[in-house]
Amino acid sequence: MLYAVTFGASADGASDRKLTDERDDYLDAESVPELASLLEELRHVTRRMRSDDDKVTETNDWKWAARVIDRLCFCVFSACLGLLTVVFLGLAGSRLAQTDHIIG
């Protein structure tokens, strides 16, 4: 059942609200299945958008985890590279010092 609220002013200037029982003429028996079909389509689109949002959220979570792991691997690689560079330069320096008296 549809209701309509009408606003008006009475003769004494006070506002008057009436709640009337009116049936809208633009809704007929043929448009109800069409509205049900539109409602089903809207529900489908809404489910699809929520699913897409969930997929985007999950993808962003995995991207963040990948960035963390990538940064950790970069730090480990840089530390190993720096340590090995210092070790090799130290070994090369001590070898040069040992062979210096042979050449000179």
PDB file of N, CA and C in Angstrom:
ATOM      1  N   MET A   1       0.844  -1.167   0.000  1.00  0.00           N
ATOM      2  CA  MET A   1       0.000   0.000   0.000  1.00  0.00           C
ATOM      3  C   MET A   1       0.893   1.235   0.000  1.00  0.00           C
ATOM      4  N   LEU A   2       0.609   2.182  -0.803  1.00  0.00           N
ATOM      5  CA  LEU A   2       1.412   3.386  -0.929  1.00  0.00           C
ATOM      6  C   LEU A   2       0.720   4.541  -0.236  1.00  0.00           C
ATOM      7  N   TYR A   3       1.507   5.375   0.407  1.00  0.00           N
ATOM      8  CA  TYR A   3       0.969   6.534   1.098  1.00  0.00           C
ATOM      9  C   TYR A   3       1.618   7.780   0.537  1.00  0.00           C
ATOM     10  N   ALA A   4       0.911   8.843   0.552  1.00  0.00           N
ATOM     11  CA  ALA A   4       1.448  10.115   0.103  1.00  0.00           C
ATOM     12  C   ALA A   4       1.210  11.143   1.189  1.00  0.00           C
ATOM     13  N   VAL A   5       2.171  11.960   1.424  1.00  0.00           N
ATOM     14  CA  VAL A   5       2.039  13.037   2.406  1.00  0.00           C
ATOM     15  C   VAL A   5       1.858  14.326   1.622  1.00  0.00           C
ATOM     16  N   THR A   6       0.811  15.034   1.920  1.00  0.00           N
ATOM     17  CA  THR A   6       0.569  16.314   1.248  1.00  0.00           C
ATOM     18  C   THR A   6       0.683  17.417   2.279  1.00  0.00           C
ATOM     19  N   PHE A   7       1.288  18.487   1.852  1.00  0.00           N
ATOM     20  CA  PHE A   7       1.451  19.648   2.712  1.00  0.00           C
ATOM     21  C   PHE A   7       0.588  20.772   2.159  1.00  0.00           C
ATOM     22  N   GLY A   8      -0.001  21.492   3.013  1.00  0.00           N
ATOM     23  CA  GLY A   8      -0.804  22.619   2.566  1.00  0.00           C
ATOM     24  C   GLY A   8      -0.939  23.621   3.698  1.00  0.00           C
ATOM     25  N   ALA A   9      -1.608  24.662   3.430  1.00  0.00           N
ATOM     26  CA  ALA A   9      -1.840  25.680   4.450  1.00  0.00           C
ATOM     27  C   ALA A   9      -3.351  25.839   4.618  1.00  0.00           C
ATOM     28  N   SER A  10      -3.769  25.899   5.851  1.00  0.00           N
ATOM     29  CA  SER A  10      -5.191  26.088   6.104  1.00  0.00           C
ATOM     30  C   SER A  10      -5.525  27.574   6.008  1.00  0.00           C
ATOM     31  N   ALA A  11      -6.784  27.878   6.156  1.00  0.00           N
ATOM     32  CA  ALA A  11      -7.228  29.274   6.009  1.00  0.00           C
ATOM     33  C   ALA A  11      -6.632  30.176   7.077  1.00  0.00           C
ATOM     34  N   ASP A  12      -6.358  29.642   8.249  1.00  0.00           N
ATOM     35  CA  ASP A  12      -5.797  30.489   9.308  1.00  0.00           C
ATOM     36  C   ASP A  12      -4.285  30.630   9.212  1.00  0.00           C
ATOM     37  N   GLY A  13      -3.628  30.029   8.191  1.00  0.00           N
ATOM     38  CA  GLY A  13      -2.200  30.208   7.988  1.00  0.00           C
ATOM     39  C   GLY A  13      -1.348  29.111   8.591  1.00  0.00           C
ATOM     40  N   ALA A  14      -1.946  28.209   9.349  1.00  0.00           N
ATOM     41  CA  ALA A  14      -1.182  27.123   9.954  1.00  0.00           C
ATOM     42  C   ALA A  14      -0.938  26.042   8.902  1.00  0.00           C
ATOM     43  N   SER A  15       0.205  25.421   8.989  1.00  0.00           N
ATOM     44  CA  SER A  15       0.496  24.383   8.007  1.00  0.00           C
ATOM     45  C   SER A  15      -0.327  23.145   8.320  1.00  0.00           C
ATOM     46  N   ASP A  16      -0.685  22.457   7.281  1.00  0.00           N
ATOM     47  CA  ASP A  16      -1.551  21.303   7.416  1.00  0.00           C
ATOM     48  C   ASP A  16      -0.909  20.127   6.690  1.00  0.00           C
ATOM     49  N   ARG A  17      -0.690  19.035   7.419  1.00  0.00           N
ATOM     50  CA  ARG A  17      -0.132  17.842   6.799  1.00  0.00           C
ATOM     51  C   ARG A  17      -1.195  16.765   6.795  1.00  0.00           C
ATOM     52  N   LYS A  18      -1.331  16.103   5.650  1.00  0.00           N
ATOM     53  CA  LYS A  18      -2.304  15.024   5.548  1.00  0.00           C
ATOM     54  C   LYS A  18      -1.594  13.782   5.023  1.00  0.00           C
ATOM     55  N   LEU A  19      -1.924  12.661   5.604  1.00  0.00           N
ATOM     56  CA  LEU A  19      -1.414  11.388   5.127  1.00  0.00           C
ATOM     57  C   LEU A  19      -2.559  10.708   4.400  1.00  0.00           C
ATOM     58  N   THR A  20      -2.402  10.550   3.120  1.00  0.00           N
ATOM     59  CA  THR A  20      -3.494   9.976   2.344  1.00  0.00           C
ATOM     60  C   THR A  20      -3.045   8.661   1.736  1.00  0.00           C
ATOM     61  N   ASP A  21      -3.989   7.785   1.516  1.00  0.00           N
ATOM     62  CA  ASP A  21      -3.747   6.501   0.888  1.00  0.00           C
ATOM     63  C   ASP A  21      -3.994   6.679  -0.600  1.00  0.00           C
ATOM     64  N   GLU A  22      -2.912   6.723  -1.378  1.00  0.00           N
ATOM     65  CA  GLU A  22      -3.037   6.899  -2.817  1.00  0.00           C
ATOM     66  C   GLU A  22      -2.265   5.812  -3.523  1.00  0.00           C
ATOM     67  N   ARG A  23      -2.794   5.331  -4.608  1.00  0.00           N
ATOM     68  CA  ARG A  23      -2.081   4.367  -5.431  1.00  0.00           C
ATOM     69  C   ARG A  23      -1.505   5.124  -6.623  1.00  0.00           C
ATOM     70  N   ASP A  24      -0.204   4.933  -6.853  1.00  0.00           N
ATOM     71  CA  ASP A  24       0.431   5.605  -7.982  1.00  0.00           C
ATOM     72  C   ASP A  24      -0.037   4.958  -9.274  1.00  0.00           C
ATOM     73  N   ASP A  25      -0.430   5.748 -10.233  1.00  0.00           N
ATOM     74  CA  ASP A  25      -0.941   5.227 -11.491  1.00  0.00           C
ATOM     75  C   ASP A  25       0.172   4.725 -12.398  1.00  0.00           C
ATOM     76  N   TYR A  26       1.392   5.200 -12.227  1.00  0.00           N
ATOM     77  CA  TYR A  26       2.456   4.788 -13.125  1.00  0.00           C
ATOM     78  C   TYR A  26       2.954   3.379 -12.831  1.00  0.00           C
ATOM     79  N   LEU A  27       2.597   2.784 -11.712  1.00  0.00           N
ATOM     80  CA  LEU A  27       2.963   1.399 -11.421  1.00  0.00           C
ATOM     81  C   LEU A  27       1.786   0.512 -11.789  1.00  0.00           C
ATOM     82  N   ASP A  28       1.938  -0.254 -12.856  1.00  0.00           N
ATOM     83  CA  ASP A  28       0.885  -1.177 -13.223  1.00  0.00           C
ATOM     84  C   ASP A  28       1.416  -2.608 -13.143  1.00  0.00           C
ATOM     85  N   ALA A  29       0.606  -3.568 -13.441  1.00  0.00           N
ATOM     86  CA  ALA A  29       0.968  -4.981 -13.285  1.00  0.00           C
ATOM     87  C   ALA A  29       2.109  -5.377 -14.217  1.00  0.00           C
ATOM     88  N   GLU A  30       2.244  -4.718 -15.360  1.00  0.00           N
ATOM     89  CA  GLU A  30       3.281  -5.074 -16.303  1.00  0.00           C
ATOM     90  C   GLU A  30       4.662  -4.583 -15.872  1.00  0.00           C
ATOM     91  N   SER A  31       4.743  -3.504 -15.122  1.00  0.00           N
ATOM     92  CA  SER A  31       6.037  -2.955 -14.746  1.00  0.00           C
ATOM     93  C   SER A  31       6.639  -3.644 -13.524  1.00  0.00           C
ATOM     94  N   VAL A  32       5.854  -4.389 -12.753  1.00  0.00           N
ATOM     95  CA  VAL A  32       6.375  -5.046 -11.551  1.00  0.00           C
ATOM     96  C   VAL A  32       7.407  -6.127 -11.916  1.00  0.00           C
ATOM     97  N   PRO A  33       7.165  -7.012 -12.885  1.00  0.00           N
ATOM     98  CA  PRO A  33       8.227  -7.961 -13.244  1.00  0.00           C
ATOM     99  C   PRO A  33       9.468  -7.262 -13.796  1.00  0.00           C
ATOM    100  N   GLU A  34       9.246  -6.176 -14.493  1.00  0.00           N
ATOM    101  CA  GLU A  34      10.378  -5.410 -15.004  1.00  0.00           C
ATOM    102  C   GLU A  34      11.196  -4.819 -13.861  1.00  0.00           C
ATOM    103  N   LEU A  35      10.510  -4.329 -12.827  1.00  0.00           N
ATOM    104  CA  LEU A  35      11.212  -3.806 -11.657  1.00  0.00           C
ATOM    105  C   LEU A  35      11.945  -4.921 -10.916  1.00  0.00           C
ATOM    106  N   ALA A  36      11.334  -6.097 -10.846  1.00  0.00           N
ATOM    107  CA  ALA A  36      11.996  -7.233 -10.196  1.00  0.00           C
ATOM    108  C   ALA A  36      13.248  -7.613 -10.975  1.00  0.00           C
ATOM    109  N   SER A  37      13.164  -7.571 -12.287  1.00  0.00           N
ATOM    110  CA  SER A  37      14.334  -7.867 -13.114  1.00  0.00           C
ATOM    111  C   SER A  37      15.430  -6.830 -12.905  1.00  0.00           C
ATOM    112  N   LEU A  38      15.037  -5.560 -12.837  1.00  0.00           N
ATOM    113  CA  LEU A  38      16.016  -4.499 -12.588  1.00  0.00           C
ATOM    114  C   LEU A  38      16.656  -4.647 -11.212  1.00  0.00           C
ATOM    115  N   LEU A  39      15.844  -5.026 -10.225  1.00  0.00           N
ATOM    116  CA  LEU A  39      16.373  -5.224  -8.876  1.00  0.00           C
ATOM    117  C   LEU A  39      17.381  -6.375  -8.859  1.00  0.00           C
ATOM    118  N   GLU A  40      17.072  -7.449  -9.580  1.00  0.00           N
ATOM    119  CA  GLU A  40      18.005  -8.576  -9.655  1.00  0.00           C
ATOM    120  C   GLU A  40      19.302  -8.163 -10.339  1.00  0.00           C
ATOM    121  N   GLU A  41      19.210  -7.384 -11.401  1.00  0.00           N
ATOM    122  CA  GLU A  41      20.410  -6.883 -12.083  1.00  0.00           C
ATOM    123  C   GLU A  41      21.238  -5.996 -11.156  1.00  0.00           C
ATOM    124  N   LEU A  42      20.555  -5.157 -10.395  1.00  0.00           N
ATOM    125  CA  LEU A  42      21.249  -4.275  -9.446  1.00  0.00           C
ATOM    126  C   LEU A  42      21.962  -5.092  -8.385  1.00  0.00           C
ATOM    127  N   ARG A  43      21.312  -6.146  -7.909  1.00  0.00           N
ATOM    128  CA  ARG A  43      21.956  -7.022  -6.922  1.00  0.00           C
ATOM    129  C   ARG A  43      23.178  -7.705  -7.522  1.00  0.00           C
ATOM    130  N   HIS A  44      23.056  -8.127  -8.770  1.00  0.00           N
ATOM    131  CA  HIS A  44      24.186  -8.776  -9.450  1.00  0.00           C
ATOM    132  C   HIS A  44      25.361  -7.805  -9.589  1.00  0.00           C
ATOM    133  N   VAL A  45      25.072  -6.584  -9.999  1.00  0.00           N
ATOM    134  CA  VAL A  45      26.130  -5.577 -10.156  1.00  0.00           C
ATOM    135  C   VAL A  45      26.766  -5.269  -8.805  1.00  0.00           C
ATOM    136  N   THR A  46      25.952  -5.183  -7.772  1.00  0.00           N
ATOM    137  CA  THR A  46      26.473  -4.898  -6.427  1.00  0.00           C
ATOM    138  C   THR A  46      27.374  -6.027  -5.942  1.00  0.00           C
ATOM    139  N   ARG A  47      26.942  -7.288  -6.157  1.00  0.00           N
ATOM    140  CA  ARG A  47      27.790  -8.428  -5.772  1.00  0.00           C
ATOM    141  C   ARG A  47      29.098  -8.417  -6.547  1.00  0.00           C
ATOM    142  N   ARG A  48      29.022  -8.092  -7.816  1.00  0.00           N
ATOM    143  CA  ARG A  48      30.221  -8.054  -8.662  1.00  0.00           C
ATOM    144  C   ARG A  48      31.195  -6.972  -8.178  1.00  0.00           C
ATOM    145  N   MET A  49      30.658  -5.807  -7.843  1.00  0.00           N
ATOM    146  CA  MET A  49      31.519  -4.716  -7.365  1.00  0.00           C
ATOM    147  C   MET A  49      32.164  -5.076  -6.036  1.00  0.00           C
ATOM    148  N   ARG A  50      31.406  -5.705  -5.148  1.00  0.00           N
ATOM    149  CA  ARG A  50      31.984  -6.119  -3.867  1.00  0.00           C
ATOM    150  C   ARG A  50      33.072  -7.162  -4.079  1.00  0.00           C
ATOM    151  N   SER A  51      32.812  -8.096  -4.986  1.00  0.00           N
ATOM    152  CA  SER A  51      33.810  -9.117  -5.296  1.00  0.00           C
ATOM    153  C   SER A  51      35.069  -8.480  -5.870  1.00  0.00           C
ATOM    154  N   ASP A  52      34.892  -7.528  -6.779  1.00  0.00           N
ATOM    155  CA  ASP A  52      36.054  -6.831  -7.349  1.00  0.00           C
ATOM    156  C   ASP A  52      36.810  -6.055  -6.283  1.00  0.00           C
ATOM    157  N   ASP A  53      36.086  -5.420  -5.366  1.00  0.00           N
ATOM    158  CA  ASP A  53      36.743  -4.687  -4.282  1.00  0.00           C
ATOM    159  C   ASP A  53      37.538  -5.633  -3.390  1.00  0.00           C
ATOM    160  N   ASP A  54      36.962  -6.807  -3.109  1.00  0.00           N
ATOM    161  CA  ASP A  54      37.677  -7.794  -2.292  1.00  0.00           C
ATOM    162  C   ASP A  54      38.940  -8.272  -2.997  1.00  0.00           C
ATOM    163  N   LYS A  55      38.852  -8.479  -4.315  1.00  0.00           N
ATOM    164  CA  LYS A  55      40.021  -8.913  -5.080  1.00  0.00           C
ATOM    165  C   LYS A  55      41.104  -7.834  -5.077  1.00  0.00           C
ATOM    166  N   VAL A  56      40.707  -6.585  -5.223  1.00  0.00           N
ATOM    167  CA  VAL A  56      41.672  -5.480  -5.217  1.00  0.00           C
ATOM    168  C   VAL A  56      42.344  -5.387  -3.854  1.00  0.00           C
ATOM    169  N   THR A  57      41.570  -5.536  -2.786  1.00  0.00           N
ATOM    170  CA  THR A  57      42.130  -5.480  -1.436  1.00  0.00           C
ATOM    171  C   THR A  57      43.134  -6.613  -1.224  1.00  0.00           C
ATOM    172  N   GLU A  58      42.771  -7.815  -1.663  1.00  0.00           N
ATOM    173  CA  GLU A  58      43.679  -8.958  -1.509  1.00  0.00           C
ATOM    174  C   GLU A  58      44.947  -8.765  -2.346  1.00  0.00           C
ATOM    175  N   THR A  59      44.794  -8.247  -3.546  1.00  0.00           N
ATOM    176  CA  THR A  59      45.955  -7.987  -4.401  1.00  0.00           C
ATOM    177  C   THR A  59      46.879  -6.965  -3.762  1.00  0.00           C
ATOM    178  N   ASN A  60      46.309  -5.917  -3.200  1.00  0.00           N
ATOM    179  CA  ASN A  60      47.134  -4.888  -2.547  1.00  0.00           C
ATOM    180  C   ASN A  60      47.852  -5.452  -1.326  1.00  0.00           C
ATOM    181  N   ASP A  61      47.200  -6.350  -0.595  1.00  0.00           N
ATOM    182  CA  ASP A  61      47.860  -6.983   0.555  1.00  0.00           C
ATOM    183  C   ASP A  61      49.057  -7.814   0.104  1.00  0.00           C
ATOM    184  N   TRP A  62      48.898  -8.571  -0.980  1.00  0.00           N
ATOM    185  CA  TRP A  62      50.004  -9.367  -1.486  1.00  0.00           C
ATOM    186  C   TRP A  62      51.121  -8.492  -2.033  1.00  0.00           C
ATOM    187  N   LYS A  63      50.772  -7.386  -2.674  1.00  0.00           N
ATOM    188  CA  LYS A  63      51.807  -6.469  -3.171  1.00  0.00           C
ATOM    189  C   LYS A  63      52.611  -5.891  -2.015  1.00  0.00           C
ATOM    190  N   TRP A  64      51.935  -5.558  -0.914  1.00  0.00           N
ATOM    191  CA  TRP A  64      52.636  -5.017   0.256  1.00  0.00           C
ATOM    192  C   TRP A  64      53.582  -6.072   0.829  1.00  0.00           C
ATOM    193  N   ALA A  65      53.107  -7.321   0.926  1.00  0.00           N
ATOM    194  CA  ALA A  65      53.958  -8.399   1.437  1.00  0.00           C
ATOM    195  C   ALA A  65      55.162  -8.611   0.520  1.00  0.00           C
ATOM    196  N   ALA A  66      54.955  -8.530  -0.782  1.00  0.00           N
ATOM    197  CA  ALA A  66      56.061  -8.690  -1.731  1.00  0.00           C
ATOM    198  C   ALA A  66      57.076  -7.565  -1.582  1.00  0.00           C
ATOM    199  N   ARG A  67      56.591  -6.343  -1.342  1.00  0.00           N
ATOM    200  CA  ARG A  67      57.521  -5.219  -1.139  1.00  0.00           C
ATOM    201  C   ARG A  67      58.366  -5.427   0.118  1.00  0.00           C
ATOM    202  N   VAL A  68      57.754  -5.929   1.171  1.00  0.00           N
ATOM    203  CA  VAL A  68      58.486  -6.171   2.418  1.00  0.00           C
ATOM    204  C   VAL A  68      59.562  -7.228   2.199  1.00  0.00           C
ATOM    205  N   ILE A  69      59.199  -8.325   1.549  1.00  0.00           N
ATOM    206  CA  ILE A  69      60.176  -9.385   1.286  1.00  0.00           C
ATOM    207  C   ILE A  69      61.281  -8.891   0.357  1.00  0.00           C
ATOM    208  N   ASP A  70      60.910  -8.111  -0.647  1.00  0.00           N
ATOM    209  CA  ASP A  70      61.906  -7.561  -1.570  1.00  0.00           C
ATOM    210  C   ASP A  70      62.886  -6.648  -0.835  1.00  0.00           C
ATOM    211  N   ARG A  71      62.387  -5.804   0.039  1.00  0.00           N
ATOM    212  CA  ARG A  71      63.258  -4.914   0.806  1.00  0.00           C
ATOM    213  C   ARG A  71      64.172  -5.707   1.724  1.00  0.00           C
ATOM    214  N   LEU A  72      63.645  -6.761   2.349  1.00  0.00           N
ATOM    215  CA  LEU A  72      64.457  -7.600   3.226  1.00  0.00           C
ATOM    216  C   LEU A  72      65.576  -8.284   2.430  1.00  0.00           C
ATOM    217  N   CYS A  73      65.242  -8.838   1.269  1.00  0.00           N
ATOM    218  CA  CYS A  73      66.267  -9.480   0.432  1.00  0.00           C
ATOM    219  C   CYS A  73      67.313  -8.472  -0.029  1.00  0.00           C
ATOM    220  N   PHE A  74      66.889  -7.261  -0.366  1.00  0.00           N
ATOM    221  CA  PHE A  74      67.830  -6.227  -0.776  1.00  0.00           C
ATOM    222  C   PHE A  74      68.803  -5.892   0.360  1.00  0.00           C
ATOM    223  N   CYS A  75      68.274  -5.779   1.573  1.00  0.00           N
ATOM    224  CA  CYS A  75      69.149  -5.460   2.716  1.00  0.00           C
ATOM    225  C   CYS A  75      70.140  -6.594   2.983  1.00  0.00           C
ATOM    226  N   VAL A  76      69.683  -7.841   2.906  1.00  0.00           N
ATOM    227  CA  VAL A  76      70.583  -8.978   3.124  1.00  0.00           C
ATOM    228  C   VAL A  76      71.647  -9.023   2.032  1.00  0.00           C
ATOM    229  N   PHE A  77      71.247  -8.831   0.769  1.00  0.00           N
ATOM    230  CA  PHE A  77      72.188  -8.831  -0.337  1.00  0.00           C
ATOM    231  C   PHE A  77      73.223  -7.715  -0.188  1.00  0.00           C
ATOM    232  N   SER A  78      72.751  -6.514   0.171  1.00  0.00           N
ATOM    233  CA  SER A  78      73.676  -5.386   0.327  1.00  0.00           C
ATOM    234  C   SER A  78      74.662  -5.633   1.464  1.00  0.00           C
ATOM    235  N   ALA A  79      74.174  -6.193   2.565  1.00  0.00           N
ATOM    236  CA  ALA A  79      75.065  -6.480   3.694  1.00  0.00           C
ATOM    237  C   ALA A  79      76.111  -7.534   3.300  1.00  0.00           C
ATOM    238  N   CYS A  80      75.692  -8.584   2.610  1.00  0.00           N
ATOM    239  CA  CYS A  80      76.645  -9.615   2.176  1.00  0.00           C
ATOM    240  C   CYS A  80      77.652  -9.048   1.179  1.00  0.00           C
ATOM    241  N   LEU A  81      77.181  -8.254   0.248  1.00  0.00           N
ATOM    242  CA  LEU A  81      78.078  -7.654  -0.741  1.00  0.00           C
ATOM    243  C   LEU A  81      79.104  -6.740  -0.072  1.00  0.00           C
ATOM    244  N   GLY A  82      78.653  -5.929   0.853  1.00  0.00           N
ATOM    245  CA  GLY A  82      79.577  -5.040   1.567  1.00  0.00           C
ATOM    246  C   GLY A  82      80.584  -5.817   2.395  1.00  0.00           C
ATOM    247  N   LEU A  83      80.120  -6.837   3.097  1.00  0.00           N
ATOM    248  CA  LEU A  83      81.012  -7.651   3.927  1.00  0.00           C
ATOM    249  C   LEU A  83      82.043  -8.379   3.066  1.00  0.00           C
ATOM    250  N   LEU A  84      81.606  -8.985   1.978  1.00  0.00           N
ATOM    251  CA  LEU A  84      82.546  -9.700   1.108  1.00  0.00           C
ATOM    252  C   LEU A  84      83.536  -8.750   0.442  1.00  0.00           C
ATOM    253  N   THR A  85      83.092  -7.553   0.110  1.00  0.00           N
ATOM    254  CA  THR A  85      84.006  -6.565  -0.480  1.00  0.00           C
ATOM    255  C   THR A  85      85.107  -6.210   0.506  1.00  0.00           C
ATOM    256  N   VAL A  86      84.742  -5.975   1.741  1.00  0.00           N
ATOM    257  CA  VAL A  86      85.735  -5.639   2.765  1.00  0.00           C
ATOM    258  C   VAL A  86      86.685  -6.822   2.991  1.00  0.00           C
ATOM    259  N   VAL A  87      86.148  -8.039   3.030  1.00  0.00           N
ATOM    260  CA  VAL A  87      86.997  -9.219   3.254  1.00  0.00           C
ATOM    261  C   VAL A  87      87.978  -9.401   2.100  1.00  0.00           C
ATOM    262  N   PHE A  88      87.480  -9.331   0.853  1.00  0.00           N
ATOM    263  CA  PHE A  88      88.370  -9.519  -0.300  1.00  0.00           C
ATOM    264  C   PHE A  88      89.420  -8.424  -0.407  1.00  0.00           C
ATOM    265  N   LEU A  89      89.031  -7.189  -0.139  1.00  0.00           N
ATOM    266  CA  LEU A  89      90.030  -6.106  -0.172  1.00  0.00           C
ATOM    267  C   LEU A  89      91.043  -6.276   0.947  1.00  0.00           C
ATOM    268  N   GLY A  90      90.592  -6.745   2.083  1.00  0.00           N
ATOM    269  CA  GLY A  90      91.534  -6.996   3.189  1.00  0.00           C
ATOM    270  C   GLY A  90      92.500  -8.120   2.864  1.00  0.00           C
ATOM    271  N   LEU A  91      91.994  -9.188   2.265  1.00  0.00           N
ATOM    272  CA  LEU A  91      92.874 -10.302   1.872  1.00  0.00           C
ATOM    273  C   LEU A  91      93.834  -9.875   0.774  1.00  0.00           C
ATOM    274  N   ALA A  92      93.361  -9.097  -0.169  1.00  0.00           N
ATOM    275  CA  ALA A  92      94.230  -8.639  -1.257  1.00  0.00           C
ATOM    276  C   ALA A  92      95.311  -7.722  -0.708  1.00  0.00           C
ATOM    277  N   GLY A  93      94.990  -6.885   0.230  1.00  0.00           N
ATOM    278  CA  GLY A  93      95.988  -5.985   0.821  1.00  0.00           C
ATOM    279  C   GLY A  93      97.051  -6.757   1.574  1.00  0.00           C
ATOM    280  N   SER A  94      96.650  -7.768   2.301  1.00  0.00           N
ATOM    281  CA  SER A  94      97.649  -8.546   3.047  1.00  0.00           C
ATOM    282  C   SER A  94      98.506  -9.378   2.092  1.00  0.00           C
ATOM    283  N   ARG A  95      97.975  -9.846   1.007  1.00  0.00           N
ATOM    284  CA  ARG A  95      98.766 -10.593   0.018  1.00  0.00           C
ATOM    285  C   ARG A  95      99.775  -9.668  -0.669  1.00  0.00           C
ATOM    286  N   LEU A  96      99.362  -8.467  -0.960  1.00  0.00           N
ATOM    287  CA  LEU A  96     100.285  -7.503  -1.579  1.00  0.00           C
ATOM    288  C   LEU A  96     101.421  -7.159  -0.625  1.00  0.00           C
ATOM    289  N   ALA A  97     101.127  -7.052   0.644  1.00  0.00           N
ATOM    290  CA  ALA A  97     102.150  -6.713   1.632  1.00  0.00           C
ATOM    291  C   ALA A  97     103.163  -7.873   1.751  1.00  0.00           C
ATOM    292  N   GLN A  98     102.682  -9.109   1.606  1.00  0.00           N
ATOM    293  CA  GLN A  98     103.593 -10.254   1.711  1.00  0.00           C
ATOM    294  C   GLN A  98     104.486 -10.381   0.487  1.00  0.00           C
ATOM    295  N   THR A  99     103.961 -10.049  -0.687  1.00  0.00           N
ATOM    296  CA  THR A  99     104.744 -10.205  -1.912  1.00  0.00           C
ATOM    297  C   THR A  99     105.539  -8.948  -2.247  1.00  0.00           C
ATOM    298  N   ASP A 100     105.433  -7.923  -1.482  1.00  0.00           N
ATOM    299  CA  ASP A 100     106.097  -6.654  -1.755  1.00  0.00           C
ATOM    300  C   ASP A 100     107.626  -6.778  -1.621  1.00  0.00           C
ATOM    301  N   HIS A 101     108.053  -7.559  -0.678  1.00  0.00           N
ATOM    302  CA  HIS A 101     109.505  -7.670  -0.485  1.00  0.00           C
ATOM    303  C   HIS A 101     110.164  -8.500  -1.585  1.00  0.00           C
ATOM    304  N   ILE A 102     109.401  -9.359  -2.286  1.00  0.00           N
ATOM    305  CA  ILE A 102     109.965 -10.164  -3.378  1.00  0.00           C
ATOM    306  C   ILE A 102     110.217  -9.293  -4.605  1.00  0.00           C
ATOM    307  N   ILE A 103     109.235  -8.427  -4.892  1.00  0.00           N
ATOM    308  CA  ILE A 103     109.348  -7.580  -6.075  1.00  0.00           C
ATOM    309  C   ILE A 103     110.393  -6.475  -5.853  1.00  0.00           C
ATOM    310  N   GLY A 104     110.405  -5.907  -4.720  1.00  0.00           N
ATOM    311  CA  GLY A 104     111.196  -4.721  -4.509  1.00  0.00           C
ATOM    312  C   GLY A 104     112.562  -4.917  -4.094  1.00  0.00           C
TER     313      GLY A 104
END
